[in-house]
Protein backbone atom coordinates (compact mmCIF):
# COMPACT_ATOMS: atom_id res chain seq x y z
CA MET A 1 149.04 46.05 -209.68
CA LEU A 2 145.93 45.41 -211.54
CA PHE A 3 144.40 43.98 -208.21
CA PHE A 4 144.45 48.38 -207.64
CA LYS A 5 142.96 48.61 -210.84
CA LYS A 6 140.15 46.41 -210.39
CA LYS A 7 139.39 47.22 -206.53
CA GLY A 8 138.72 51.12 -206.52
CA ASN A 9 141.18 52.35 -204.83
CA ILE A 10 141.49 55.54 -206.40
CA GLU A 11 144.87 56.59 -205.45
CA ALA A 12 146.56 53.55 -206.03
CA GLN A 13 145.42 53.57 -209.57
CA TYR A 14 146.68 57.17 -209.70
CA ALA A 15 149.79 55.78 -208.68
CA LEU A 16 149.62 52.97 -211.10
CA ALA A 17 148.76 55.29 -214.03
CA GLU A 18 151.53 57.78 -213.41
CA CYS A 19 153.93 54.49 -213.14
CA TYR A 20 152.77 53.52 -216.56
CA HIS A 21 152.83 57.15 -217.90
CA TYR A 22 156.39 58.28 -216.96
CA GLY A 23 158.17 54.58 -216.95
CA ASP A 24 158.80 54.64 -213.85
CA ILE A 25 158.66 51.06 -212.71
CA TYR A 26 157.04 49.66 -215.42
CA GLU A 27 157.88 50.01 -218.82
CA GLN A 28 156.20 53.07 -220.31
CA ASP A 29 152.97 52.96 -222.19
CA TYR A 30 151.00 55.93 -222.49
CA SER A 31 147.55 53.38 -223.72
CA ILE A 32 147.56 52.05 -219.95
CA SER A 33 148.30 55.43 -218.52
CA PHE A 34 145.90 57.07 -220.63
CA GLU A 35 142.50 54.14 -219.84
CA LEU A 36 143.40 55.10 -215.94
CA PHE A 37 143.60 58.40 -216.23
CA GLU A 38 140.32 58.59 -218.09
CA ALA A 39 138.42 56.32 -215.96
CA LEU A 40 139.76 58.17 -212.59
CA ALA A 41 138.77 61.17 -214.29
CA LYS A 42 135.03 59.96 -214.74
CA LYS A 43 135.15 59.44 -211.00
CA LYS A 44 136.01 63.17 -210.74
CA HIS A 45 140.05 62.90 -209.53
CA PRO A 46 141.49 66.27 -210.04
CA TRP A 47 144.89 65.13 -211.02
CA ALA A 48 144.08 62.50 -213.48
CA LYS A 49 141.52 65.14 -214.75
CA TYR A 50 144.46 67.32 -215.74
CA MET A 51 146.77 64.19 -216.70
CA LEU A 52 144.18 63.26 -218.97
CA ALA A 53 143.99 66.92 -220.68
CA ASP A 54 147.63 66.61 -220.96
CA CYS A 55 147.11 63.45 -222.63
CA TYR A 56 145.00 64.71 -225.02
CA GLU A 57 147.30 68.01 -225.47
CA ASN A 58 150.04 66.42 -226.26
CA GLY A 59 148.74 63.76 -228.49
CA MET A 60 148.95 61.10 -226.22
CA HIS A 61 145.11 59.72 -226.58
CA PHE A 62 144.49 56.38 -228.50
CA GLU A 63 140.63 55.74 -230.31
CA ARG A 64 138.81 53.04 -229.58
CA LYS A 65 137.56 50.34 -231.76
CA LYS A 66 133.99 50.48 -233.20
CA ASN A 67 133.07 47.83 -230.70
CA GLU A 68 134.55 49.11 -227.19
CA LYS A 69 132.33 51.54 -225.54
């Protein structure tokens, strides 16, 4: 599945983010889903923007280390 993350298939990336967010196929991991939703929101994916806002609203966002961008 990391293939989809790197290759740029936006819908596949969104599906992967949802899998991690809800724990459907993979173990639930909000940090991975947040990272994917954030990247997709920057690409103007409408549902990713919604899910990213939901993550922030429900406290599922993660502080980045100072050296990360």
